[in-house]
């Protein structure tokens, strides 16, 4: 299973809810020397924009993965710029508001944000 397939499987899990940050970080856990359980715990509180609609959890998970994979801090600015260009906002509340205005279901929207971040980190880290 690829990292992206793993991420999709986490988001599709019917018995456990994996937040966006967890769905981005857990597939990279082994590459960072972490167990999936450790990655799960590290990102537990990043869902729903840190629980208050702040920065998208998928971005937060990507930032943790980038640090764990040894990517330079300068990549953080790149990710934010590209994400904002692609989606208009980086804040969970604003992203969800725009999705609702388009008639997009929350889960579909969040799955799309996770997939975008997974693609970005995979490509930029060379772990495609």
Protein backbone atom coordinates (compact mmCIF):
# COMPACT_ATOMS: atom_id res chain seq x y z
CA UNK A 1 0.00 0.00 0.00
CA UNK A 2 1.36 3.43 -0.91
CA UNK A 3 1.46 6.25 1.62
CA UNK A 4 -1.42 7.97 -0.20
CA UNK A 5 -3.50 4.77 -0.17
CA UNK A 6 -2.71 4.40 3.53
CA UNK A 7 -3.90 7.95 4.14
CA UNK A 8 -7.15 7.31 2.23
CA UNK A 9 -7.71 4.11 4.21
CA UNK A 10 -7.29 6.00 7.49
CA UNK A 11 -9.85 8.61 6.43
CA UNK A 12 -12.25 5.85 5.28
CA UNK A 13 -11.95 3.85 8.52
CA UNK A 14 -15.47 3.39 9.84
CA UNK A 15 -14.71 2.51 13.46
CA UNK A 16 -12.03 5.08 14.29
CA UNK A 17 -12.00 8.74 13.26
CA UNK A 18 -8.56 9.83 12.11
CA UNK A 19 -8.35 13.60 11.87
CA UNK A 20 -6.71 15.31 8.91
CA UNK A 21 -3.35 15.74 10.67
CA UNK A 22 -3.26 12.08 11.66
CA UNK A 23 -4.15 10.99 8.12
CA UNK A 24 -1.20 12.98 6.77
CA UNK A 25 1.39 12.04 9.40
CA UNK A 26 0.72 8.35 10.10
CA UNK A 27 1.68 7.16 6.58
CA UNK A 28 5.10 8.81 7.02
CA UNK A 29 5.64 7.44 10.56
CA UNK A 30 8.01 4.64 9.56
CA UNK A 31 10.12 7.05 7.48
CA UNK A 32 10.59 9.14 10.62
CA UNK A 33 11.36 6.28 13.00
CA UNK A 34 7.96 6.48 14.69
CA UNK A 35 5.33 3.86 15.24
CA UNK A 36 1.86 4.60 13.84
CA UNK A 37 0.67 4.88 17.44
CA UNK A 38 3.25 7.57 18.19
CA UNK A 39 2.33 9.51 15.05
CA UNK A 40 -1.34 9.18 15.98
CA UNK A 41 -0.68 10.58 19.46
CA UNK A 42 1.51 13.45 18.19
CA UNK A 43 -1.27 14.75 15.94
CA UNK A 44 -4.28 13.97 18.13
CA UNK A 45 -4.99 17.62 18.95
CA UNK A 46 -4.47 19.13 15.50
CA UNK A 47 -7.87 18.13 14.05
CA UNK A 48 -10.52 20.73 13.22
CA UNK A 49 -7.89 23.43 12.96
CA UNK A 50 -6.49 22.69 16.41
CA UNK A 51 -10.05 22.41 17.64
CA UNK A 52 -10.84 26.07 16.96
CA UNK A 53 -10.91 26.45 13.17
CA UNK A 54 -7.30 27.69 12.96
CA UNK A 55 -4.73 26.24 10.54
CA UNK A 56 -6.07 23.27 8.55
CA UNK A 57 -5.18 19.97 10.23
CA UNK A 58 -3.83 18.57 6.95
CA UNK A 59 -1.30 21.42 6.88
CA UNK A 60 -0.42 20.83 10.54
CA UNK A 61 0.17 17.13 9.82
CA UNK A 62 2.27 18.07 6.81
CA UNK A 63 4.38 20.41 8.96
CA UNK A 64 5.04 17.65 11.51
CA UNK A 65 5.93 15.24 8.69
CA UNK A 66 8.23 17.80 7.08
CA UNK A 67 10.10 18.27 10.36
CA UNK A 68 10.34 14.55 10.99
CA UNK A 69 11.58 13.93 7.46
CA UNK A 70 14.31 16.56 7.85
CA UNK A 71 12.91 18.96 5.27
CA UNK A 72 14.19 22.55 5.59
CA UNK A 73 12.02 25.19 7.26
CA UNK A 74 11.95 27.18 4.03
CA UNK A 75 9.63 24.51 2.61
CA UNK A 76 7.01 25.62 5.14
CA UNK A 77 6.58 28.94 3.34
CA UNK A 78 6.37 27.13 0.01
CA UNK A 79 3.66 24.76 1.25
CA UNK A 80 1.60 27.64 2.68
CA UNK A 81 1.92 29.69 -0.50
CA UNK A 82 0.96 26.79 -2.76
CA UNK A 83 -1.89 25.66 -0.51
CA UNK A 84 -3.34 29.16 -0.32
CA UNK A 85 -3.04 29.53 -4.11
CA UNK A 86 -4.84 26.22 -4.64
CA UNK A 87 -7.53 26.58 -1.97
CA UNK A 88 -7.83 30.28 -1.11
CA UNK A 89 -7.24 29.92 2.63
CA UNK A 90 -5.15 27.96 5.14
CA UNK A 91 -7.60 28.26 8.05
CA UNK A 92 -9.90 25.29 8.63
CA UNK A 93 -12.96 27.46 9.35
CA UNK A 94 -12.53 29.47 6.14
CA UNK A 95 -11.88 26.37 4.06
CA UNK A 96 -14.99 24.68 5.44
CA UNK A 97 -17.10 27.79 4.89
CA UNK A 98 -16.01 27.94 1.23
CA UNK A 99 -16.69 24.21 0.83
CA UNK A 100 -20.16 24.61 2.30
CA UNK A 101 -20.87 27.50 -0.07
CA UNK A 102 -19.90 25.21 -2.97
CA UNK A 103 -22.19 22.50 -1.61
CA UNK A 104 -19.29 20.16 -0.82
CA UNK A 105 -19.70 17.78 2.11
CA UNK A 106 -17.27 18.30 4.98
CA UNK A 107 -15.71 14.83 4.76
CA UNK A 108 -15.17 15.08 1.00
CA UNK A 109 -13.61 18.51 1.45
CA UNK A 110 -11.31 17.34 4.25
CA UNK A 111 -10.32 14.22 2.31
CA UNK A 112 -9.33 16.50 -0.57
CA UNK A 113 -7.17 18.68 1.72
CA UNK A 114 -5.47 15.57 3.11
CA UNK A 115 -4.81 14.22 -0.40
CA UNK A 116 -3.35 17.57 -1.49
CA UNK A 117 -0.99 17.67 1.51
CA UNK A 118 -0.02 14.02 1.05
CA UNK A 119 0.85 14.70 -2.59
CA UNK A 120 2.85 17.81 -1.67
CA UNK A 121 4.90 16.21 1.11
CA UNK A 122 5.48 13.05 -0.93
CA UNK A 123 6.69 15.02 -3.94
CA UNK A 124 8.81 17.54 -2.03
CA UNK A 125 10.40 14.91 0.23
CA UNK A 126 11.17 12.59 -2.69
CA UNK A 127 9.09 9.81 -1.12
CA UNK A 128 6.58 9.45 -3.95
